[in-house]
Amino acid sequence: MTRFVRIQWPRLLGSAILLLVLFGNQGFRGLVRNWVELGRLRREIVSLEHQEGAESGRLKAVRSGGAPFERLARKELGYIRKGEIEYRFPPPVEEKN
């Protein structure tokens, strides 16, 4: 083992210095942290773009008026027409055996 160390000491010292420079300072850790954050933000952008596409489709339906608008208003906002009666039923109860 000591012969190995005597022969390879420049490489071992260089490796140790390189490891200290890369992992022992704030700059490299900050770089890695920023790289991870960049990946997270890119995934979030893709998700938001998909969401934007879905919402723009809904917006087109609302702007066109008519049946799609009425269906959305009834489903999501609970609107009813004047003179209509709204019936609400309790959810079914599970029977225990």
C-alpha atoms as a PDB file:
ATOM      1  CA  MET A   1       0.000   0.000   0.000  1.00  0.00           C
ATOM      2  CA  THR A   2       2.769   2.438   0.848  1.00  0.00           C
ATOM      3  CA  ARG A   3       4.481   1.753  -2.465  1.00  0.00           C
ATOM      4  CA  PHE A   4       1.229   2.586  -4.252  1.00  0.00           C
ATOM      5  CA  VAL A   5       0.950   5.862  -2.338  1.00  0.00           C
ATOM      6  CA  ARG A   6       4.597   6.768  -3.050  1.00  0.00           C
ATOM      7  CA  ILE A   7       4.143   6.183  -6.773  1.00  0.00           C
ATOM      8  CA  GLN A   8       0.670   7.676  -7.155  1.00  0.00           C
ATOM      9  CA  TRP A   9       0.907  10.630  -4.723  1.00  0.00           C
ATOM     10  CA  PRO A  10       0.694  13.319  -7.430  1.00  0.00           C
ATOM     11  CA  ARG A  11      -2.522  11.800  -8.802  1.00  0.00           C
ATOM     12  CA  LEU A  12      -3.998  11.352  -5.332  1.00  0.00           C
ATOM     13  CA  LEU A  13      -3.136  14.938  -4.397  1.00  0.00           C
ATOM     14  CA  GLY A  14      -4.555  16.250  -7.682  1.00  0.00           C
ATOM     15  CA  SER A  15      -7.751  14.232  -7.196  1.00  0.00           C
ATOM     16  CA  ALA A  16      -8.157  15.507  -3.649  1.00  0.00           C
ATOM     17  CA  ILE A  17      -7.655  19.117  -4.760  1.00  0.00           C
ATOM     18  CA  LEU A  18     -10.119  18.672  -7.613  1.00  0.00           C
ATOM     19  CA  LEU A  19     -12.729  17.195  -5.262  1.00  0.00           C
ATOM     20  CA  LEU A  20     -12.243  20.056  -2.803  1.00  0.00           C
ATOM     21  CA  VAL A  21     -12.579  22.657  -5.541  1.00  0.00           C
ATOM     22  CA  LEU A  22     -15.703  21.073  -7.019  1.00  0.00           C
ATOM     23  CA  PHE A  23     -17.565  20.037  -3.887  1.00  0.00           C
ATOM     24  CA  GLY A  24     -16.059  22.240  -1.202  1.00  0.00           C
ATOM     25  CA  ASN A  25     -17.209  25.637  -2.342  1.00  0.00           C
ATOM     26  CA  GLN A  26     -20.519  27.430  -2.615  1.00  0.00           C
ATOM     27  CA  GLY A  27     -20.149  28.147  -6.311  1.00  0.00           C
ATOM     28  CA  PHE A  28     -20.362  24.572  -7.496  1.00  0.00           C
ATOM     29  CA  ARG A  29     -23.184  23.697  -5.082  1.00  0.00           C
ATOM     30  CA  GLY A  30     -25.031  26.798  -6.227  1.00  0.00           C
ATOM     31  CA  LEU A  31     -24.505  25.756  -9.828  1.00  0.00           C
ATOM     32  CA  VAL A  32     -25.942  22.298  -9.146  1.00  0.00           C
ATOM     33  CA  ARG A  33     -28.865  23.813  -7.207  1.00  0.00           C
ATOM     34  CA  ASN A  34     -29.595  26.206 -10.086  1.00  0.00           C
ATOM     35  CA  TRP A  35     -29.411  23.353 -12.609  1.00  0.00           C
ATOM     36  CA  VAL A  36     -31.957  21.343 -10.591  1.00  0.00           C
ATOM     37  CA  GLU A  37     -34.189  24.417 -10.281  1.00  0.00           C
ATOM     38  CA  LEU A  38     -33.937  25.003 -14.044  1.00  0.00           C
ATOM     39  CA  GLY A  39     -35.158  21.468 -14.694  1.00  0.00           C
ATOM     40  CA  ARG A  40     -38.067  21.947 -12.292  1.00  0.00           C
ATOM     41  CA  LEU A  41     -39.013  25.254 -13.923  1.00  0.00           C
ATOM     42  CA  ARG A  42     -38.883  23.729 -17.410  1.00  0.00           C
ATOM     43  CA  ARG A  43     -41.267  20.953 -16.306  1.00  0.00           C
ATOM     44  CA  GLU A  44     -43.548  23.570 -14.756  1.00  0.00           C
ATOM     45  CA  ILE A  45     -43.528  25.594 -17.998  1.00  0.00           C
ATOM     46  CA  VAL A  46     -44.562  22.526 -19.994  1.00  0.00           C
ATOM     47  CA  SER A  47     -47.357  21.819 -17.515  1.00  0.00           C
ATOM     48  CA  LEU A  48     -48.567  25.426 -17.645  1.00  0.00           C
ATOM     49  CA  GLU A  49     -48.518  25.409 -21.446  1.00  0.00           C
ATOM     50  CA  HIS A  50     -50.765  22.332 -21.463  1.00  0.00           C
ATOM     51  CA  GLN A  51     -53.053  24.016 -18.971  1.00  0.00           C
ATOM     52  CA  GLU A  52     -53.100  27.168 -21.118  1.00  0.00           C
ATOM     53  CA  GLY A  53     -54.169  25.118 -24.146  1.00  0.00           C
ATOM     54  CA  ALA A  54     -57.058  23.584 -22.221  1.00  0.00           C
ATOM     55  CA  GLU A  55     -58.152  26.932 -20.835  1.00  0.00           C
ATOM     56  CA  SER A  56     -57.996  28.642 -24.223  1.00  0.00           C
ATOM     57  CA  GLY A  57     -60.320  25.933 -25.573  1.00  0.00           C
ATOM     58  CA  ARG A  58     -62.748  26.628 -22.757  1.00  0.00           C
ATOM     59  CA  LEU A  59     -62.475  30.362 -23.413  1.00  0.00           C
ATOM     60  CA  LYS A  60     -63.358  29.831 -27.079  1.00  0.00           C
ATOM     61  CA  ALA A  61     -66.429  27.877 -26.017  1.00  0.00           C
ATOM     62  CA  VAL A  62     -67.504  30.632 -23.629  1.00  0.00           C
ATOM     63  CA  ARG A  63     -66.946  33.369 -26.211  1.00  0.00           C
ATOM     64  CA  SER A  64     -68.966  31.517 -28.821  1.00  0.00           C
ATOM     65  CA  GLY A  65     -71.941  31.534 -26.442  1.00  0.00           C
ATOM     66  CA  GLY A  66     -74.856  29.174 -26.811  1.00  0.00           C
ATOM     67  CA  ALA A  67     -74.923  25.647 -25.478  1.00  0.00           C
ATOM     68  CA  PRO A  68     -71.280  25.252 -24.422  1.00  0.00           C
ATOM     69  CA  PHE A  69     -71.451  28.443 -22.371  1.00  0.00           C
ATOM     70  CA  GLU A  70     -74.689  27.416 -20.722  1.00  0.00           C
ATOM     71  CA  ARG A  71     -73.367  23.928 -19.949  1.00  0.00           C
ATOM     72  CA  LEU A  72     -70.237  25.379 -18.333  1.00  0.00           C
ATOM     73  CA  ALA A  73     -72.252  27.860 -16.293  1.00  0.00           C
ATOM     74  CA  ARG A  74     -74.636  25.187 -15.092  1.00  0.00           C
ATOM     75  CA  LYS A  75     -71.953  22.631 -14.307  1.00  0.00           C
ATOM     76  CA  GLU A  76     -69.285  24.789 -12.693  1.00  0.00           C
ATOM     77  CA  LEU A  77     -71.245  27.695 -11.253  1.00  0.00           C
ATOM     78  CA  GLY A  78     -74.566  26.014 -10.508  1.00  0.00           C
ATOM     79  CA  TYR A  79     -76.642  28.487 -12.524  1.00  0.00           C
ATOM     80  CA  ILE A  80     -80.303  27.774 -13.241  1.00  0.00           C
ATOM     81  CA  ARG A  81     -82.721  29.589 -15.506  1.00  0.00           C
ATOM     82  CA  LYS A  82     -85.433  31.829 -14.209  1.00  0.00           C
ATOM     83  CA  GLY A  83     -88.475  29.747 -13.366  1.00  0.00           C
ATOM     84  CA  GLU A  84     -86.573  26.449 -13.162  1.00  0.00           C
ATOM     85  CA  ILE A  85     -86.651  24.365 -10.027  1.00  0.00           C
ATOM     86  CA  GLU A  86     -83.427  22.821  -8.818  1.00  0.00           C
ATOM     87  CA  TYR A  87     -83.665  19.394  -7.266  1.00  0.00           C
ATOM     88  CA  ARG A  88     -80.861  18.211  -5.039  1.00  0.00           C
ATOM     89  CA  PHE A  89     -80.563  14.630  -3.915  1.00  0.00           C
ATOM     90  CA  PRO A  90     -78.343  13.373  -1.122  1.00  0.00           C
ATOM     91  CA  PRO A  91     -75.544  11.069  -2.209  1.00  0.00           C
ATOM     92  CA  PRO A  92     -76.312   7.352  -1.921  1.00  0.00           C
ATOM     93  CA  VAL A  93     -75.428   5.816   1.407  1.00  0.00           C
ATOM     94  CA  GLU A  94     -73.239   2.736   1.367  1.00  0.00           C
ATOM     95  CA  GLU A  95     -74.818  -0.241   3.038  1.00  0.00           C
ATOM     96  CA  LYS A  96     -72.732  -2.091   5.607  1.00  0.00           C
ATOM     97  CA  ASN A  97     -73.046  -5.865   5.574  1.00  0.00           C
END
